[in-house]
Structures are given as C-alpha cells and as structure tokens.
Amino acid sequence: MSETETPHAAPVRAPGGPHWKTALGRVGRLTPREQETFLLLAEGLSNESMAQRLHVTERTVRAHVAAVMEKLELSSRLAVCLASYAFATEGIPRPV
C-alpha cells in the first residue's frame, strides 16, 4: 500500500468479539413479524418451513429475512442465525 492510499475501515466491534454481537442491540428496530422470523432463524429453519409456520408465502419470508438483515446491519443469513440463536438463548441458564 502506498502512502497516499487509505486502508478500508473495518466494522466497529469489541476486540475478539463476533461481528454480529452488536446487532443484538438493534433487535428493537424489528416489527413483530420480523421478530418472529428472526427467532425462527435460530432454529435453522428453511424459508419453506418458516413460511408454513407463519402461514405466509416463501416470498414473504424472504422479504422478512432481508428486512431483518438490513435493520440489524448484518450481511449474511449465517450472521443473522448466530445473532438470533444468541438472542433466543440469552438469560437461559446453561447446564453445568
């Protein structure tokens, strides 16, 4: 890299922390239906399975997932799934 080039800014996150962890503070931005979709992602369900559970079309589920990703500022479904799992299990005592 030359002296005139600037490095790309990395996303702000806690040192060593997962990049999706900061998204948990943005869950309040989601509509109730988006929150349902977000929690179903924690179960690892396909769009088809979520559509059946929510009684909507797969296209609607895709729209909800896209909205969740945008509002939580996450760029992959995997990151959303990880955040969802952490959110769903937060506060639940883990077996010793």
PDB file of N, CA and C in Angstrom:
ATOM      1  N   MET A   1       0.861  -1.174   0.000  1.00  0.00           N
ATOM      2  CA  MET A   1       0.000   0.000   0.000  1.00  0.00           C
ATOM      3  C   MET A   1       0.903   1.231   0.000  1.00  0.00           C
ATOM      4  N   SER A   2       0.578   2.168  -0.838  1.00  0.00           N
ATOM      5  CA  SER A   2       1.389   3.384  -0.883  1.00  0.00           C
ATOM      6  C   SER A   2       0.964   4.338   0.222  1.00  0.00           C
ATOM      7  N   GLU A   3       1.757   5.371   0.414  1.00  0.00           N
ATOM      8  CA  GLU A   3       1.457   6.336   1.480  1.00  0.00           C
ATOM      9  C   GLU A   3       0.191   7.133   1.206  1.00  0.00           C
ATOM     10  N   THR A   4      -0.229   7.236  -0.058  1.00  0.00           N
ATOM     11  CA  THR A   4      -1.414   8.031  -0.391  1.00  0.00           C
ATOM     12  C   THR A   4      -2.704   7.228  -0.281  1.00  0.00           C
ATOM     13  N   GLU A   5      -2.601   5.905  -0.227  1.00  0.00           N
ATOM     14  CA  GLU A   5      -3.796   5.074  -0.113  1.00  0.00           C
ATOM     15  C   GLU A   5      -4.242   5.003   1.343  1.00  0.00           C
ATOM     16  N   THR A   6      -5.553   4.939   1.532  1.00  0.00           N
ATOM     17  CA  THR A   6      -6.087   4.795   2.887  1.00  0.00           C
ATOM     18  C   THR A   6      -6.641   3.391   3.038  1.00  0.00           C
ATOM     19  N   PRO A   7      -6.416   2.772   4.170  1.00  0.00           N
ATOM     20  CA  PRO A   7      -6.957   1.424   4.381  1.00  0.00           C
ATOM     21  C   PRO A   7      -8.479   1.486   4.530  1.00  0.00           C
ATOM     22  N   HIS A   8      -9.130   0.390   4.161  1.00  0.00           N
ATOM     23  CA  HIS A   8     -10.580   0.313   4.334  1.00  0.00           C
ATOM     24  C   HIS A   8     -10.897   0.198   5.814  1.00  0.00           C
ATOM     25  N   ALA A   9     -11.938   0.906   6.237  1.00  0.00           N
ATOM     26  CA  ALA A   9     -12.334   0.865   7.644  1.00  0.00           C
ATOM     27  C   ALA A   9     -13.012  -0.465   7.938  1.00  0.00           C
ATOM     28  N   ALA A  10     -12.617  -1.098   9.005  1.00  0.00           N
ATOM     29  CA  ALA A  10     -13.240  -2.343   9.441  1.00  0.00           C
ATOM     30  C   ALA A  10     -14.461  -2.014  10.284  1.00  0.00           C
ATOM     31  N   PRO A  11     -15.446  -2.915  10.316  1.00  0.00           N
ATOM     32  CA  PRO A  11     -16.607  -2.671  11.170  1.00  0.00           C
ATOM     33  C   PRO A  11     -16.185  -2.523  12.628  1.00  0.00           C
ATOM     34  N   VAL A  12     -16.855  -1.659  13.361  1.00  0.00           N
ATOM     35  CA  VAL A  12     -16.531  -1.438  14.768  1.00  0.00           C
ATOM     36  C   VAL A  12     -17.131  -2.573  15.584  1.00  0.00           C
ATOM     37  N   ARG A  13     -16.287  -3.230  16.383  1.00  0.00           N
ATOM     38  CA  ARG A  13     -16.768  -4.293  17.263  1.00  0.00           C
ATOM     39  C   ARG A  13     -15.776  -4.466  18.395  1.00  0.00           C
ATOM     40  N   ALA A  14     -16.214  -5.159  19.406  1.00  0.00           N
ATOM     41  CA  ALA A  14     -15.341  -5.412  20.547  1.00  0.00           C
ATOM     42  C   ALA A  14     -14.185  -6.284  20.095  1.00  0.00           C
ATOM     43  N   PRO A  15     -12.987  -6.013  20.609  1.00  0.00           N
ATOM     44  CA  PRO A  15     -11.841  -6.835  20.228  1.00  0.00           C
ATOM     45  C   PRO A  15     -12.118  -8.305  20.513  1.00  0.00           C
ATOM     46  N   GLY A  16     -11.988  -9.126  19.494  1.00  0.00           N
ATOM     47  CA  GLY A  16     -12.204 -10.557  19.655  1.00  0.00           C
ATOM     48  C   GLY A  16     -13.660 -10.966  19.697  1.00  0.00           C
ATOM     49  N   GLY A  17     -14.574  -9.996  19.692  1.00  0.00           N
ATOM     50  CA  GLY A  17     -15.994 -10.325  19.741  1.00  0.00           C
ATOM     51  C   GLY A  17     -16.553 -10.598  18.362  1.00  0.00           C
ATOM     52  N   PRO A  18     -17.614 -11.399  18.290  1.00  0.00           N
ATOM     53  CA  PRO A  18     -18.220 -11.679  16.989  1.00  0.00           C
ATOM     54  C   PRO A  18     -18.859 -10.426  16.402  1.00  0.00           C
ATOM     55  N   HIS A  19     -18.788 -10.302  15.084  1.00  0.00           N
ATOM     56  CA  HIS A  19     -19.302  -9.090  14.442  1.00  0.00           C
ATOM     57  C   HIS A  19     -20.813  -8.948  14.555  1.00  0.00           C
ATOM     58  N   TRP A  20     -21.531 -10.038  14.785  1.00  0.00           N
ATOM     59  CA  TRP A  20     -22.982  -9.966  14.863  1.00  0.00           C
ATOM     60  C   TRP A  20     -23.469  -9.572  16.266  1.00  0.00           C
ATOM     61  N   LYS A  21     -22.587  -9.587  17.243  1.00  0.00           N
ATOM     62  CA  LYS A  21     -22.997  -9.315  18.624  1.00  0.00           C
ATOM     63  C   LYS A  21     -23.592  -7.914  18.791  1.00  0.00           C
ATOM     64  N   THR A  22     -23.046  -6.939  18.092  1.00  0.00           N
ATOM     65  CA  THR A  22     -23.580  -5.578  18.202  1.00  0.00           C
ATOM     66  C   THR A  22     -24.993  -5.484  17.631  1.00  0.00           C
ATOM     67  N   ALA A  23     -25.366  -6.422  16.758  1.00  0.00           N
ATOM     68  CA  ALA A  23     -26.704  -6.416  16.163  1.00  0.00           C
ATOM     69  C   ALA A  23     -27.788  -6.682  17.208  1.00  0.00           C
ATOM     70  N   LEU A  24     -27.432  -7.335  18.291  1.00  0.00           N
ATOM     71  CA  LEU A  24     -28.431  -7.644  19.317  1.00  0.00           C
ATOM     72  C   LEU A  24     -29.035  -6.373  19.913  1.00  0.00           C
ATOM     73  N   GLY A  25     -28.273  -5.300  19.918  1.00  0.00           N
ATOM     74  CA  GLY A  25     -28.788  -4.025  20.414  1.00  0.00           C
ATOM     75  C   GLY A  25     -29.752  -3.351  19.456  1.00  0.00           C
ATOM     76  N   ARG A  26     -29.867  -3.890  18.237  1.00  0.00           N
ATOM     77  CA  ARG A  26     -30.759  -3.302  17.243  1.00  0.00           C
ATOM     78  C   ARG A  26     -32.031  -4.111  17.021  1.00  0.00           C
ATOM     79  N   VAL A  27     -32.254  -5.149  17.804  1.00  0.00           N
ATOM     80  CA  VAL A  27     -33.429  -6.011  17.638  1.00  0.00           C
ATOM     81  C   VAL A  27     -34.724  -5.211  17.813  1.00  0.00           C
ATOM     82  N   GLY A  28     -34.687  -4.170  18.609  1.00  0.00           N
ATOM     83  CA  GLY A  28     -35.870  -3.332  18.820  1.00  0.00           C
ATOM     84  C   GLY A  28     -36.353  -2.637  17.562  1.00  0.00           C
ATOM     85  N   ARG A  29     -35.533  -2.578  16.531  1.00  0.00           N
ATOM     86  CA  ARG A  29     -35.927  -1.970  15.259  1.00  0.00           C
ATOM     87  C   ARG A  29     -36.901  -2.854  14.473  1.00  0.00           C
ATOM     88  N   LEU A  30     -36.947  -4.134  14.813  1.00  0.00           N
ATOM     89  CA  LEU A  30     -37.751  -5.090  14.048  1.00  0.00           C
ATOM     90  C   LEU A  30     -39.230  -4.989  14.375  1.00  0.00           C
ATOM     91  N   THR A  31     -40.064  -5.198  13.347  1.00  0.00           N
ATOM     92  CA  THR A  31     -41.510  -5.274  13.556  1.00  0.00           C
ATOM     93  C   THR A  31     -41.806  -6.590  14.270  1.00  0.00           C
ATOM     94  N   PRO A  32     -42.999  -6.753  14.837  1.00  0.00           N
ATOM     95  CA  PRO A  32     -43.317  -8.029  15.487  1.00  0.00           C
ATOM     96  C   PRO A  32     -43.151  -9.237  14.551  1.00  0.00           C
ATOM     97  N   ARG A  33     -43.553  -9.118  13.285  1.00  0.00           N
ATOM     98  CA  ARG A  33     -43.432 -10.240  12.350  1.00  0.00           C
ATOM     99  C   ARG A  33     -41.966 -10.506  12.013  1.00  0.00           C
ATOM    100  N   GLU A  34     -41.174  -9.454  11.895  1.00  0.00           N
ATOM    101  CA  GLU A  34     -39.748  -9.627  11.660  1.00  0.00           C
ATOM    102  C   GLU A  34     -39.080 -10.277  12.870  1.00  0.00           C
ATOM    103  N   GLN A  35     -39.557  -9.943  14.070  1.00  0.00           N
ATOM    104  CA  GLN A  35     -39.016 -10.572  15.280  1.00  0.00           C
ATOM    105  C   GLN A  35     -39.329 -12.066  15.286  1.00  0.00           C
ATOM    106  N   GLU A  36     -40.548 -12.433  14.865  1.00  0.00           N
ATOM    107  CA  GLU A  36     -40.902 -13.856  14.770  1.00  0.00           C
ATOM    108  C   GLU A  36     -39.972 -14.569  13.796  1.00  0.00           C
ATOM    109  N   THR A  37     -39.759 -13.953  12.649  1.00  0.00           N
ATOM    110  CA  THR A  37     -38.872 -14.522  11.635  1.00  0.00           C
ATOM    111  C   THR A  37     -37.463 -14.646  12.190  1.00  0.00           C
ATOM    112  N   PHE A  38     -36.991 -13.603  12.873  1.00  0.00           N
ATOM    113  CA  PHE A  38     -35.662 -13.595  13.485  1.00  0.00           C
ATOM    114  C   PHE A  38     -35.505 -14.773  14.435  1.00  0.00           C
ATOM    115  N   LEU A  39     -36.505 -15.024  15.262  1.00  0.00           N
ATOM    116  CA  LEU A  39     -36.422 -16.127  16.224  1.00  0.00           C
ATOM    117  C   LEU A  39     -36.499 -17.490  15.547  1.00  0.00           C
ATOM    118  N   LEU A  40     -37.251 -17.582  14.446  1.00  0.00           N
ATOM    119  CA  LEU A  40     -37.309 -18.847  13.716  1.00  0.00           C
ATOM    120  C   LEU A  40     -35.965 -19.169  13.063  1.00  0.00           C
ATOM    121  N   LEU A  41     -35.215 -18.134  12.716  1.00  0.00           N
ATOM    122  CA  LEU A  41     -33.887 -18.354  12.147  1.00  0.00           C
ATOM    123  C   LEU A  41     -32.973 -19.066  13.146  1.00  0.00           C
ATOM    124  N   ALA A  42     -33.202 -18.857  14.430  1.00  0.00           N
ATOM    125  CA  ALA A  42     -32.392 -19.518  15.461  1.00  0.00           C
ATOM    126  C   ALA A  42     -32.566 -21.030  15.408  1.00  0.00           C
ATOM    127  N   GLU A  43     -33.706 -21.476  14.892  1.00  0.00           N
ATOM    128  CA  GLU A  43     -33.967 -22.909  14.787  1.00  0.00           C
ATOM    129  C   GLU A  43     -33.350 -23.519  13.538  1.00  0.00           C
ATOM    130  N   GLY A  44     -32.782 -22.674  12.683  1.00  0.00           N
ATOM    131  CA  GLY A  44     -32.155 -23.170  11.457  1.00  0.00           C
ATOM    132  C   GLY A  44     -33.157 -23.606  10.410  1.00  0.00           C
ATOM    133  N   LEU A  45     -34.352 -23.037  10.448  1.00  0.00           N
ATOM    134  CA  LEU A  45     -35.399 -23.429   9.511  1.00  0.00           C
ATOM    135  C   LEU A  45     -35.156 -22.865   8.115  1.00  0.00           C
ATOM    136  N   SER A  46     -35.619 -23.591   7.122  1.00  0.00           N
ATOM    137  CA  SER A  46     -35.577 -23.109   5.744  1.00  0.00           C
ATOM    138  C   SER A  46     -36.686 -22.070   5.561  1.00  0.00           C
ATOM    139  N   ASN A  47     -36.607 -21.344   4.455  1.00  0.00           N
ATOM    140  CA  ASN A  47     -37.671 -20.376   4.155  1.00  0.00           C
ATOM    141  C   ASN A  47     -39.012 -21.088   4.034  1.00  0.00           C
ATOM    142  N   GLU A  48     -39.012 -22.261   3.425  1.00  0.00           N
ATOM    143  CA  GLU A  48     -40.254 -23.020   3.257  1.00  0.00           C
ATOM    144  C   GLU A  48     -40.866 -23.383   4.613  1.00  0.00           C
ATOM    145  N   SER A  49     -40.032 -23.861   5.540  1.00  0.00           N
ATOM    146  CA  SER A  49     -40.524 -24.242   6.874  1.00  0.00           C
ATOM    147  C   SER A  49     -41.035 -23.023   7.638  1.00  0.00           C
ATOM    148  N   MET A  50     -40.312 -21.905   7.521  1.00  0.00           N
ATOM    149  CA  MET A  50     -40.766 -20.687   8.197  1.00  0.00           C
ATOM    150  C   MET A  50     -42.087 -20.213   7.603  1.00  0.00           C
ATOM    151  N   ALA A  51     -42.230 -20.309   6.287  1.00  0.00           N
ATOM    152  CA  ALA A  51     -43.470 -19.895   5.624  1.00  0.00           C
ATOM    153  C   ALA A  51     -44.650 -20.712   6.148  1.00  0.00           C
ATOM    154  N   GLN A  52     -44.438 -22.005   6.313  1.00  0.00           N
ATOM    155  CA  GLN A  52     -45.509 -22.862   6.842  1.00  0.00           C
ATOM    156  C   GLN A  52     -45.863 -22.471   8.273  1.00  0.00           C
ATOM    157  N   ARG A  53     -44.861 -22.221   9.092  1.00  0.00           N
ATOM    158  CA  ARG A  53     -45.111 -21.847  10.492  1.00  0.00           C
ATOM    159  C   ARG A  53     -45.829 -20.507  10.609  1.00  0.00           C
ATOM    160  N   LEU A  54     -45.436 -19.555   9.738  1.00  0.00           N
ATOM    161  CA  LEU A  54     -46.005 -18.205   9.807  1.00  0.00           C
ATOM    162  C   LEU A  54     -47.273 -18.049   8.971  1.00  0.00           C
ATOM    163  N   HIS A  55     -47.608 -19.090   8.195  1.00  0.00           N
ATOM    164  CA  HIS A  55     -48.784 -19.062   7.311  1.00  0.00           C
ATOM    165  C   HIS A  55     -48.693 -17.932   6.287  1.00  0.00           C
ATOM    166  N   VAL A  56     -47.523 -17.842   5.667  1.00  0.00           N
ATOM    167  CA  VAL A  56     -47.264 -16.856   4.616  1.00  0.00           C
ATOM    168  C   VAL A  56     -46.527 -17.567   3.483  1.00  0.00           C
ATOM    169  N   THR A  57     -46.270 -16.847   2.404  1.00  0.00           N
ATOM    170  CA  THR A  57     -45.534 -17.429   1.286  1.00  0.00           C
ATOM    171  C   THR A  57     -44.029 -17.361   1.544  1.00  0.00           C
ATOM    172  N   GLU A  58     -43.279 -18.166   0.788  1.00  0.00           N
ATOM    173  CA  GLU A  58     -41.817 -18.115   0.900  1.00  0.00           C
ATOM    174  C   GLU A  58     -41.306 -16.738   0.490  1.00  0.00           C
ATOM    175  N   ARG A  59     -41.957 -16.135  -0.466  1.00  0.00           N
ATOM    176  CA  ARG A  59     -41.550 -14.792  -0.903  1.00  0.00           C
ATOM    177  C   ARG A  59     -41.650 -13.799   0.256  1.00  0.00           C
ATOM    178  N   THR A  60     -42.700 -13.921   1.045  1.00  0.00           N
ATOM    179  CA  THR A  60     -42.870 -13.045   2.201  1.00  0.00           C
ATOM    180  C   THR A  60     -41.771 -13.304   3.225  1.00  0.00           C
ATOM    181  N   VAL A  61     -41.439 -14.567   3.431  1.00  0.00           N
ATOM    182  CA  VAL A  61     -40.354 -14.907   4.360  1.00  0.00           C
ATOM    183  C   VAL A  61     -39.050 -14.305   3.872  1.00  0.00           C
ATOM    184  N   ARG A  62     -38.768 -14.416   2.574  1.00  0.00           N
ATOM    185  CA  ARG A  62     -37.538 -13.821   2.034  1.00  0.00           C
ATOM    186  C   ARG A  62     -37.503 -12.320   2.283  1.00  0.00           C
ATOM    187  N   ALA A  63     -38.656 -11.676   2.141  1.00  0.00           N
ATOM    188  CA  ALA A  63     -38.733 -10.230   2.399  1.00  0.00           C
ATOM    189  C   ALA A  63     -38.463  -9.926   3.872  1.00  0.00           C
ATOM    190  N   HIS A  64     -39.016 -10.743   4.765  1.00  0.00           N
ATOM    191  CA  HIS A  64     -38.784 -10.543   6.204  1.00  0.00           C
ATOM    192  C   HIS A  64     -37.305 -10.750   6.555  1.00  0.00           C
ATOM    193  N   VAL A  65     -36.708 -11.806   5.997  1.00  0.00           N
ATOM    194  CA  VAL A  65     -35.291 -12.080   6.274  1.00  0.00           C
ATOM    195  C   VAL A  65     -34.432 -10.927   5.771  1.00  0.00           C
ATOM    196  N   ALA A  66     -34.749 -10.433   4.584  1.00  0.00           N
ATOM    197  CA  ALA A  66     -33.986  -9.298   4.031  1.00  0.00           C
ATOM    198  C   ALA A  66     -34.137  -8.063   4.916  1.00  0.00           C
ATOM    199  N   ALA A  67     -35.346  -7.818   5.413  1.00  0.00           N
ATOM    200  CA  ALA A  67     -35.579  -6.666   6.286  1.00  0.00           C
ATOM    201  C   ALA A  67     -34.821  -6.825   7.600  1.00  0.00           C
ATOM    202  N   VAL A  68     -34.802  -8.032   8.148  1.00  0.00           N
ATOM    203  CA  VAL A  68     -34.071  -8.303   9.384  1.00  0.00           C
ATOM    204  C   VAL A  68     -32.577  -8.036   9.166  1.00  0.00           C
ATOM    205  N   MET A  69     -32.047  -8.545   8.062  1.00  0.00           N
ATOM    206  CA  MET A  69     -30.628  -8.342   7.769  1.00  0.00           C
ATOM    207  C   MET A  69     -30.305  -6.860   7.654  1.00  0.00           C
ATOM    208  N   GLU A  70     -31.172  -6.122   6.981  1.00  0.00           N
ATOM    209  CA  GLU A  70     -30.927  -4.689   6.803  1.00  0.00           C
ATOM    210  C   GLU A  70     -31.015  -3.932   8.129  1.00  0.00           C
ATOM    211  N   LYS A  71     -32.065  -4.192   8.900  1.00  0.00           N
ATOM    212  CA  LYS A  71     -32.254  -3.464  10.155  1.00  0.00           C
ATOM    213  C   LYS A  71     -31.201  -3.803  11.204  1.00  0.00           C
ATOM    214  N   LEU A  72     -30.715  -5.044  11.174  1.00  0.00           N
ATOM    215  CA  LEU A  72     -29.678  -5.437  12.135  1.00  0.00           C
ATOM    216  C   LEU A  72     -28.280  -5.152  11.608  1.00  0.00           C
ATOM    217  N   GLU A  73     -28.215  -4.675  10.363  1.00  0.00           N
ATOM    218  CA  GLU A  73     -26.957  -4.325   9.716  1.00  0.00           C
ATOM    219  C   GLU A  73     -26.010  -5.518   9.637  1.00  0.00           C
ATOM    220  N   LEU A  74     -26.579  -6.652   9.220  1.00  0.00           N
ATOM    221  CA  LEU A  74     -25.802  -7.878   9.031  1.00  0.00           C
ATOM    222  C   LEU A  74     -25.859  -8.262   7.560  1.00  0.00           C
ATOM    223  N   SER A  75     -24.753  -8.787   7.050  1.00  0.00           N
ATOM    224  CA  SER A  75     -24.669  -9.031   5.616  1.00  0.00           C
ATOM    225  C   SER A  75     -24.849 -10.485   5.194  1.00  0.00           C
ATOM    226  N   SER A  76     -25.081 -11.392   6.149  1.00  0.00           N
ATOM    227  CA  SER A  76     -25.287 -12.790   5.762  1.00  0.00           C
ATOM    228  C   SER A  76     -26.359 -13.436   6.637  1.00  0.00           C
ATOM    229  N   ARG A  77     -26.986 -14.434   6.065  1.00  0.00           N
ATOM    230  CA  ARG A  77     -28.002 -15.174   6.805  1.00  0.00           C
ATOM    231  C   ARG A  77     -27.356 -15.895   7.990  1.00  0.00           C
ATOM    232  N   LEU A  78     -26.137 -16.378   7.809  1.00  0.00           N
ATOM    233  CA  LEU A  78     -25.437 -17.051   8.902  1.00  0.00           C
ATOM    234  C   LEU A  78     -25.254 -16.116  10.092  1.00  0.00           C
ATOM    235  N   ALA A  79     -24.848 -14.884   9.839  1.00  0.00           N
ATOM    236  CA  ALA A  79     -24.662 -13.916  10.922  1.00  0.00           C
ATOM    237  C   ALA A  79     -25.985 -13.663  11.639  1.00  0.00           C
ATOM    238  N   VAL A  80     -27.072 -13.580  10.871  1.00  0.00           N
ATOM    239  CA  VAL A  80     -28.394 -13.373  11.477  1.00  0.00           C
ATOM    240  C   VAL A  80     -28.772 -14.590  12.314  1.00  0.00           C
ATOM    241  N   CYS A  81     -28.497 -15.786  11.811  1.00  0.00           N
ATOM    242  CA  CYS A  81     -28.806 -17.010  12.558  1.00  0.00           C
ATOM    243  C   CYS A  81     -28.029 -17.070  13.880  1.00  0.00           C
ATOM    244  N   LEU A  82     -26.762 -16.716  13.829  1.00  0.00           N
ATOM    245  CA  LEU A  82     -25.953 -16.708  15.047  1.00  0.00           C
ATOM    246  C   LEU A  82     -26.476 -15.691  16.058  1.00  0.00           C
ATOM    247  N   ALA A  83     -26.805 -14.502  15.579  1.00  0.00           N
ATOM    248  CA  ALA A  83     -27.355 -13.464  16.457  1.00  0.00           C
ATOM    249  C   ALA A  83     -28.694 -13.911  17.024  1.00  0.00           C
ATOM    250  N   SER A  84     -29.508 -14.525  16.192  1.00  0.00           N
ATOM    251  CA  SER A  84     -30.821 -14.996  16.624  1.00  0.00           C
ATOM    252  C   SER A  84     -30.698 -16.061  17.698  1.00  0.00           C
ATOM    253  N   TYR A  85     -29.769 -16.996  17.480  1.00  0.00           N
ATOM    254  CA  TYR A  85     -29.568 -18.054  18.473  1.00  0.00           C
ATOM    255  C   TYR A  85     -29.116 -17.472  19.808  1.00  0.00           C
ATOM    256  N   ALA A  86     -28.188 -16.540  19.747  1.00  0.00           N
ATOM    257  CA  ALA A  86     -27.702 -15.901  20.977  1.00  0.00           C
ATOM    258  C   ALA A  86     -28.836 -15.147  21.662  1.00  0.00           C
ATOM    259  N   PHE A  87     -29.652 -14.452  20.874  1.00  0.00           N
ATOM    260  CA  PHE A  87     -30.773 -13.688  21.424  1.00  0.00           C
ATOM    261  C   PHE A  87     -31.798 -14.627  22.064  1.00  0.00           C
ATOM    262  N   ALA A  88     -32.108 -15.727  21.379  1.00  0.00           N
ATOM    263  CA  ALA A  88     -33.130 -16.665  21.856  1.00  0.00           C
ATOM    264  C   ALA A  88     -32.703 -17.386  23.127  1.00  0.00           C
ATOM    265  N   THR A  89     -31.404 -17.608  23.283  1.00  0.00           N
ATOM    266  CA  THR A  89     -30.927 -18.355  24.440  1.00  0.00           C
ATOM    267  C   THR A  89     -30.396 -17.468  25.555  1.00  0.00           C
ATOM    268  N   GLU A  90     -30.381 -16.167  25.339  1.00  0.00           N
ATOM    269  CA  GLU A  90     -29.860 -15.232  26.346  1.00  0.00           C
ATOM    270  C   GLU A  90     -30.673 -15.333  27.629  1.00  0.00           C
ATOM    271  N   GLY A  91     -29.968 -15.413  28.709  1.00  0.00           N
ATOM    272  CA  GLY A  91     -30.656 -15.433  30.008  1.00  0.00           C
ATOM    273  C   GLY A  91     -31.101 -16.814  30.432  1.00  0.00           C
ATOM    274  N   ILE A  92     -30.988 -17.803  29.555  1.00  0.00           N
ATOM    275  CA  ILE A  92     -31.377 -19.170  29.912  1.00  0.00           C
ATOM    276  C   ILE A  92     -30.163 -19.848  30.532  1.00  0.00           C
ATOM    277  N   PRO A  93     -30.281 -20.326  31.745  1.00  0.00           N
ATOM    278  CA  PRO A  93     -29.130 -20.977  32.391  1.00  0.00           C
ATOM    279  C   PRO A  93     -28.655 -22.163  31.564  1.00  0.00           C
ATOM    280  N   ARG A  94     -27.365 -22.290  31.410  1.00  0.00           N
ATOM    281  CA  ARG A  94     -26.794 -23.409  30.664  1.00  0.00           C
ATOM    282  C   ARG A  94     -26.443 -24.526  31.642  1.00  0.00           C
ATOM    283  N   PRO A  95     -26.625 -25.775  31.216  1.00  0.00           N
ATOM    284  CA  PRO A  95     -26.283 -26.891  32.112  1.00  0.00           C
ATOM    285  C   PRO A  95     -24.785 -26.892  32.439  1.00  0.00           C
ATOM    286  N   VAL A  96     -24.463 -27.282  33.631  1.00  0.00           N
ATOM    287  CA  VAL A  96     -23.070 -27.300  34.077  1.00  0.00           C
ATOM    288  C   VAL A  96     -22.394 -28.592  33.648  1.00  0.00           C
TER     289      VAL A  96
END
